[in-house]
């Protein structure tokens, strides 16, 4: 990817807002990678992608999980239109 820093910052904020609207915001419950989670943070940039902090329902331990690439592709597709 070749984008300037300013474009990336704006895009990151926009992508995070759109991912949050899809149900990956704080207080939501999601099923990812075969597990049920309670989302405890809003989306944020992480390791070249985007992630949320979650609590695993079965043991309540917090951790960070990546947003699936299919969700990000959907969001980025909407931004391009």
N, C-alpha and C. Protein backbone atom coordinates (compact mmCIF):
# COMPACT_ATOMS: atom_id res chain seq x y z
N UNK A 1 0.84 -1.18 0.00
CA UNK A 1 0.00 0.00 0.00
C UNK A 1 0.87 1.24 0.00
N UNK A 2 0.55 2.16 -0.83
CA UNK A 2 1.30 3.39 -0.87
C UNK A 2 0.36 4.56 -0.67
N UNK A 3 0.22 4.97 0.57
CA UNK A 3 -0.60 6.13 0.90
C UNK A 3 0.21 7.04 1.80
N UNK A 4 -0.12 8.32 1.78
CA UNK A 4 0.58 9.25 2.65
C UNK A 4 0.11 9.09 4.09
N UNK A 5 0.88 9.59 5.02
CA UNK A 5 0.54 9.49 6.44
C UNK A 5 -0.79 10.17 6.73
N UNK A 6 -1.04 11.33 6.12
CA UNK A 6 -2.28 12.05 6.39
C UNK A 6 -3.48 11.26 5.90
N UNK A 7 -3.38 10.69 4.69
CA UNK A 7 -4.48 9.89 4.17
C UNK A 7 -4.73 8.68 5.05
N UNK A 8 -3.67 8.04 5.54
CA UNK A 8 -3.80 6.85 6.36
C UNK A 8 -4.50 7.19 7.68
N UNK A 9 -4.12 8.29 8.33
CA UNK A 9 -4.75 8.67 9.60
C UNK A 9 -6.24 8.90 9.41
N UNK A 10 -6.59 9.64 8.37
CA UNK A 10 -8.01 9.89 8.11
C UNK A 10 -8.72 8.59 7.79
N UNK A 11 -8.12 7.77 6.97
CA UNK A 11 -8.73 6.50 6.60
C UNK A 11 -8.90 5.60 7.82
N UNK A 12 -7.89 5.55 8.70
CA UNK A 12 -7.98 4.73 9.89
C UNK A 12 -9.17 5.12 10.74
N UNK A 13 -9.36 6.41 10.96
CA UNK A 13 -10.48 6.89 11.77
C UNK A 13 -11.81 6.53 11.11
N UNK A 14 -11.86 6.70 9.80
CA UNK A 14 -13.09 6.40 9.06
C UNK A 14 -13.39 4.89 9.09
N UNK A 15 -12.36 4.09 8.89
CA UNK A 15 -12.53 2.63 8.93
C UNK A 15 -12.98 2.19 10.32
N UNK A 16 -12.36 2.72 11.36
CA UNK A 16 -12.75 2.36 12.73
C UNK A 16 -14.21 2.71 12.99
N UNK A 17 -14.65 3.88 12.54
CA UNK A 17 -16.04 4.29 12.73
C UNK A 17 -17.00 3.35 12.00
N UNK A 18 -16.64 2.96 10.78
CA UNK A 18 -17.51 2.06 10.02
C UNK A 18 -17.52 0.65 10.60
N UNK A 19 -16.38 0.19 11.08
CA UNK A 19 -16.33 -1.14 11.72
C UNK A 19 -17.19 -1.11 12.99
N UNK A 20 -17.13 -0.03 13.72
CA UNK A 20 -17.95 0.11 14.93
C UNK A 20 -19.44 0.04 14.58
N UNK A 21 -19.84 0.69 13.49
CA UNK A 21 -21.24 0.65 13.06
C UNK A 21 -21.70 -0.75 12.68
N UNK A 22 -20.75 -1.61 12.31
CA UNK A 22 -21.10 -2.99 11.95
C UNK A 22 -21.24 -3.89 13.17
N UNK A 23 -21.10 -3.33 14.37
CA UNK A 23 -21.33 -4.11 15.58
C UNK A 23 -20.08 -4.50 16.33
N UNK A 24 -18.94 -3.88 15.99
CA UNK A 24 -17.69 -4.19 16.68
C UNK A 24 -17.28 -3.05 17.61
N UNK A 25 -18.25 -2.42 18.26
CA UNK A 25 -17.99 -1.35 19.21
C UNK A 25 -18.12 -1.85 20.64
N UNK A 26 -17.61 -1.04 21.57
CA UNK A 26 -17.67 -1.39 22.99
C UNK A 26 -19.10 -1.71 23.40
N UNK A 27 -19.26 -2.78 24.19
CA UNK A 27 -20.56 -3.18 24.69
C UNK A 27 -21.28 -4.19 23.80
N UNK A 28 -20.76 -4.45 22.62
CA UNK A 28 -21.38 -5.40 21.70
C UNK A 28 -20.90 -6.82 22.01
N UNK A 29 -21.67 -7.78 21.59
CA UNK A 29 -21.27 -9.20 21.68
C UNK A 29 -21.10 -9.71 20.27
N UNK A 30 -19.97 -10.37 20.03
CA UNK A 30 -19.69 -10.88 18.69
C UNK A 30 -19.18 -12.32 18.77
N UNK A 31 -19.29 -12.99 17.66
CA UNK A 31 -18.70 -14.32 17.54
C UNK A 31 -17.62 -14.23 16.47
N UNK A 32 -16.39 -14.47 16.88
CA UNK A 32 -15.24 -14.41 15.97
C UNK A 32 -14.39 -15.65 16.18
N UNK A 33 -13.94 -16.20 15.08
CA UNK A 33 -13.00 -17.32 15.14
C UNK A 33 -13.53 -18.46 16.01
N UNK A 34 -14.85 -18.68 15.98
CA UNK A 34 -15.47 -19.78 16.71
C UNK A 34 -15.68 -19.54 18.19
N UNK A 35 -15.43 -18.33 18.67
CA UNK A 35 -15.63 -18.02 20.09
C UNK A 35 -16.56 -16.83 20.24
N UNK A 36 -17.27 -16.78 21.38
CA UNK A 36 -18.13 -15.64 21.69
C UNK A 36 -17.34 -14.66 22.55
N UNK A 37 -17.45 -13.37 22.21
CA UNK A 37 -16.73 -12.32 22.92
C UNK A 37 -17.66 -11.17 23.27
N UNK A 38 -17.31 -10.47 24.34
CA UNK A 38 -17.92 -9.17 24.63
C UNK A 38 -16.86 -8.14 24.27
N UNK A 39 -17.20 -7.22 23.36
CA UNK A 39 -16.26 -6.19 22.94
C UNK A 39 -16.18 -5.14 24.04
N UNK A 40 -14.95 -4.83 24.48
CA UNK A 40 -14.76 -3.86 25.57
C UNK A 40 -14.03 -2.60 25.12
N UNK A 41 -13.77 -2.48 23.81
CA UNK A 41 -13.17 -1.25 23.28
C UNK A 41 -13.75 -0.99 21.90
N UNK A 42 -13.59 0.22 21.44
CA UNK A 42 -13.92 0.52 20.06
C UNK A 42 -12.76 0.03 19.19
N UNK A 43 -12.97 -0.15 17.89
CA UNK A 43 -11.90 -0.62 17.01
C UNK A 43 -10.71 0.35 16.99
N UNK A 44 -9.52 -0.20 16.77
CA UNK A 44 -8.30 0.61 16.69
C UNK A 44 -7.31 -0.05 15.74
N UNK A 45 -6.41 0.76 15.12
CA UNK A 45 -5.39 0.18 14.25
C UNK A 45 -4.45 -0.70 15.06
N UNK A 46 -4.08 -1.86 14.49
CA UNK A 46 -3.22 -2.80 15.20
C UNK A 46 -2.51 -3.70 14.20
N UNK A 47 -1.21 -3.72 14.23
CA UNK A 47 -0.39 -4.66 13.45
C UNK A 47 -0.79 -4.72 11.98
N UNK A 48 -0.93 -3.57 11.34
CA UNK A 48 -1.26 -3.54 9.93
C UNK A 48 -2.72 -3.80 9.61
N UNK A 49 -3.54 -3.95 10.62
CA UNK A 49 -4.98 -4.17 10.43
C UNK A 49 -5.74 -3.39 11.48
N UNK A 50 -6.84 -3.94 11.92
CA UNK A 50 -7.66 -3.30 12.96
C UNK A 50 -8.08 -4.37 13.95
N UNK A 51 -8.27 -3.95 15.20
CA UNK A 51 -8.59 -4.91 16.25
C UNK A 51 -9.53 -4.27 17.26
N UNK A 52 -10.02 -5.10 18.17
CA UNK A 52 -10.80 -4.64 19.32
C UNK A 52 -10.33 -5.42 20.54
N UNK A 53 -10.47 -4.82 21.70
CA UNK A 53 -10.23 -5.54 22.95
C UNK A 53 -11.53 -6.23 23.32
N UNK A 54 -11.42 -7.46 23.77
CA UNK A 54 -12.60 -8.26 24.08
C UNK A 54 -12.40 -9.03 25.38
N UNK A 55 -13.52 -9.48 25.94
CA UNK A 55 -13.50 -10.45 27.04
C UNK A 55 -14.04 -11.74 26.49
N UNK A 56 -13.34 -12.82 26.78
CA UNK A 56 -13.80 -14.14 26.37
C UNK A 56 -14.90 -14.53 27.34
N UNK A 57 -16.06 -14.92 26.82
CA UNK A 57 -17.19 -15.21 27.69
C UNK A 57 -16.93 -16.37 28.64
N UNK A 58 -16.19 -17.36 28.21
CA UNK A 58 -16.02 -18.53 29.08
C UNK A 58 -15.05 -18.32 30.23
N UNK A 59 -14.10 -17.37 30.11
CA UNK A 59 -13.18 -17.16 31.24
C UNK A 59 -12.95 -15.70 31.62
N UNK A 60 -13.64 -14.78 30.93
CA UNK A 60 -13.61 -13.36 31.27
C UNK A 60 -12.24 -12.69 31.14
N UNK A 61 -11.24 -13.36 30.56
CA UNK A 61 -9.93 -12.74 30.43
C UNK A 61 -9.91 -11.81 29.22
N UNK A 62 -9.42 -10.57 29.41
CA UNK A 62 -9.39 -9.64 28.28
C UNK A 62 -8.26 -10.00 27.31
N UNK A 63 -8.50 -9.74 26.02
CA UNK A 63 -7.46 -9.90 25.01
C UNK A 63 -7.80 -9.07 23.79
N UNK A 64 -6.86 -8.97 22.89
CA UNK A 64 -7.05 -8.20 21.65
C UNK A 64 -7.22 -9.19 20.51
N UNK A 65 -8.26 -8.98 19.70
CA UNK A 65 -8.47 -9.83 18.52
C UNK A 65 -8.55 -8.95 17.27
N UNK A 66 -8.01 -9.47 16.19
CA UNK A 66 -8.05 -8.77 14.91
C UNK A 66 -9.46 -8.83 14.32
N UNK A 67 -9.87 -7.75 13.69
CA UNK A 67 -11.12 -7.74 12.93
C UNK A 67 -10.88 -8.58 11.68
N UNK A 68 -11.79 -9.48 11.32
CA UNK A 68 -11.59 -10.32 10.13
C UNK A 68 -11.39 -9.48 8.87
N UNK A 69 -10.53 -9.95 7.99
CA UNK A 69 -10.22 -9.22 6.76
C UNK A 69 -11.46 -9.03 5.88
N UNK A 70 -12.39 -9.97 5.93
CA UNK A 70 -13.61 -9.82 5.12
C UNK A 70 -14.43 -8.62 5.57
N UNK A 71 -14.45 -8.36 6.88
CA UNK A 71 -15.15 -7.18 7.41
C UNK A 71 -14.44 -5.91 6.94
N UNK A 72 -13.11 -5.91 7.04
CA UNK A 72 -12.34 -4.73 6.62
C UNK A 72 -12.49 -4.48 5.12
N UNK A 73 -12.50 -5.53 4.32
CA UNK A 73 -12.67 -5.37 2.88
C UNK A 73 -14.03 -4.76 2.57
N UNK A 74 -15.05 -5.18 3.30
CA UNK A 74 -16.39 -4.64 3.13
C UNK A 74 -16.41 -3.15 3.45
N UNK A 75 -15.78 -2.78 4.56
CA UNK A 75 -15.74 -1.38 4.98
C UNK A 75 -14.93 -0.54 4.00
N UNK A 76 -13.78 -1.04 3.58
CA UNK A 76 -12.95 -0.30 2.64
C UNK A 76 -13.64 -0.15 1.29
N UNK A 77 -14.40 -1.14 0.90
CA UNK A 77 -15.17 -1.06 -0.34
C UNK A 77 -16.20 0.05 -0.29
N UNK A 78 -16.84 0.20 0.86
CA UNK A 78 -17.84 1.28 1.05
C UNK A 78 -17.17 2.63 0.97
N UNK A 79 -15.95 2.76 1.53
CA UNK A 79 -15.24 4.05 1.52
C UNK A 79 -14.83 4.45 0.11
N UNK A 80 -14.61 3.48 -0.76
CA UNK A 80 -14.15 3.77 -2.11
C UNK A 80 -15.27 4.30 -2.99
N UNK A 81 -16.53 4.04 -2.60
CA UNK A 81 -17.68 4.44 -3.42
C UNK A 81 -17.97 5.90 -3.25
